[in-house]
Amino acid sequence: MGNEKDESPGAVLRELRVGCGLGIKSAAPMAGISYGYLSKIENDVKQPSLGLITELCRIYDADADAVIAKTGALPPDVKEIVKTHGKGVFDLLRSTYTDD
């Protein structure tokens, strides 16, 4: 699991949308965006905000934290923890999640 490659937000979101059986023209208005904008996100032309990722995950009935982690992004609260505690966070993660 630790060696999985991060995937682009667009690819992950497209996979979720298609898996739900939603067309792009149906899903976009549910999230309050145009289908053109969702298309740009899914094709990695535009980067979605964490708020939009969270909203799309709600629509697609997916775990937003898992999707955000899969794309390699960090939620603002986690960024603040890393910023505040620096090396200690990395040491804790490595000691907890690596097989040394």
Protein backbone atom coordinates (compact mmCIF):
# COMPACT_ATOMS: atom_id res chain seq x y z
CA MET A 1 0.00 0.00 0.00
CA GLY A 2 2.79 2.44 0.82
CA ASN A 3 4.21 2.12 -2.71
CA GLU A 4 1.05 3.14 -4.52
CA LYS A 5 1.55 5.98 -6.96
CA ASP A 6 -0.52 9.11 -6.46
CA GLU A 7 -3.18 9.54 -9.10
CA SER A 8 -4.30 12.82 -10.58
CA PRO A 9 -7.43 14.32 -9.06
CA GLY A 10 -9.06 14.35 -12.49
CA ALA A 11 -8.49 10.66 -13.11
CA VAL A 12 -9.76 9.70 -9.66
CA LEU A 13 -12.85 11.90 -9.94
CA ARG A 14 -13.66 10.63 -13.44
CA GLU A 15 -13.38 7.03 -12.26
CA LEU A 16 -15.75 7.76 -9.36
CA ARG A 17 -18.27 9.55 -11.59
CA VAL A 18 -18.30 6.80 -14.19
CA GLY A 19 -18.53 4.19 -11.44
CA CYS A 20 -21.70 5.89 -10.21
CA GLY A 21 -23.19 5.77 -13.68
CA LEU A 22 -23.36 9.56 -13.90
CA GLY A 23 -22.68 11.45 -17.09
CA ILE A 24 -20.57 14.58 -16.93
CA LYS A 25 -23.57 16.73 -17.90
CA SER A 26 -25.56 15.28 -14.99
CA ALA A 27 -22.86 15.40 -12.34
CA ALA A 28 -21.58 18.93 -12.95
CA PRO A 29 -24.81 20.82 -12.08
CA MET A 30 -25.19 18.68 -8.95
CA ALA A 31 -21.88 20.19 -7.80
CA GLY A 32 -22.84 23.68 -8.94
CA ILE A 33 -20.32 23.83 -11.78
CA SER A 34 -20.52 23.68 -15.56
CA TYR A 35 -19.86 20.42 -17.36
CA GLY A 36 -17.07 22.21 -19.24
CA TYR A 37 -15.33 23.00 -15.97
CA LEU A 38 -15.77 19.42 -14.71
CA SER A 39 -14.35 18.20 -18.01
CA LYS A 40 -11.28 20.41 -17.53
CA ILE A 41 -10.85 19.01 -14.02
CA GLU A 42 -11.17 15.42 -15.21
CA ASN A 43 -8.64 16.10 -17.97
CA ASP A 44 -6.24 17.77 -15.50
CA VAL A 45 -6.45 21.15 -17.21
CA LYS A 46 -7.83 22.70 -13.99
CA GLN A 47 -7.11 21.74 -10.38
CA PRO A 48 -10.19 21.34 -8.18
CA SER A 49 -10.27 22.89 -4.73
CA LEU A 50 -10.44 20.56 -1.77
CA GLY A 51 -13.97 21.86 -1.21
CA LEU A 52 -15.02 20.83 -4.71
CA ILE A 53 -13.36 17.42 -4.33
CA THR A 54 -15.32 16.99 -1.11
CA GLU A 55 -18.60 18.00 -2.80
CA LEU A 56 -18.03 15.66 -5.74
CA CYS A 57 -17.23 12.84 -3.32
CA ARG A 58 -20.52 13.52 -1.55
CA ILE A 59 -22.35 13.27 -4.88
CA TYR A 60 -20.43 10.12 -5.84
CA ASP A 61 -20.88 8.62 -2.36
CA ALA A 62 -17.12 8.33 -1.88
CA ASP A 63 -14.88 8.97 1.13
CA ALA A 64 -13.40 12.43 0.53
CA ASP A 65 -10.41 11.84 2.83
CA ALA A 66 -9.52 8.64 0.95
CA VAL A 67 -9.82 10.40 -2.41
CA ILE A 68 -7.75 13.36 -1.24
CA ALA A 69 -5.08 11.00 0.10
CA LYS A 70 -5.10 8.98 -3.14
CA THR A 71 -4.36 12.14 -5.13
CA GLY A 72 -1.51 13.14 -2.83
CA ALA A 73 -3.20 16.31 -1.59
CA LEU A 74 -3.34 17.33 2.04
CA PRO A 75 -6.40 18.88 3.66
CA PRO A 76 -5.78 22.29 5.28
CA ASP A 77 -5.97 20.94 8.84
CA VAL A 78 -3.34 18.31 8.07
CA LYS A 79 -1.12 20.90 6.35
CA GLU A 80 -1.30 23.01 9.51
CA ILE A 81 -0.30 20.03 11.67
CA VAL A 82 2.69 19.32 9.42
CA LYS A 83 3.61 23.01 9.37
CA THR A 84 3.38 23.27 13.15
CA HIS A 85 5.07 20.00 14.11
CA GLY A 86 7.41 19.52 11.15
CA LYS A 87 9.87 16.66 11.44
CA GLY A 88 8.01 15.09 14.35
CA VAL A 89 5.04 14.36 12.07
CA PHE A 90 7.24 12.67 9.49
CA ASP A 91 9.05 10.64 12.15
CA LEU A 92 5.72 9.51 13.64
CA LEU A 93 4.30 8.53 10.25
CA ARG A 94 7.43 6.63 9.26
CA SER A 95 7.68 4.78 12.57
CA THR A 96 3.99 3.88 12.42
CA TYR A 97 3.60 2.97 8.75
CA THR A 98 6.90 1.60 7.48
CA ASP A 99 8.26 -1.92 7.89
CA ASP A 100 11.81 -1.21 9.05
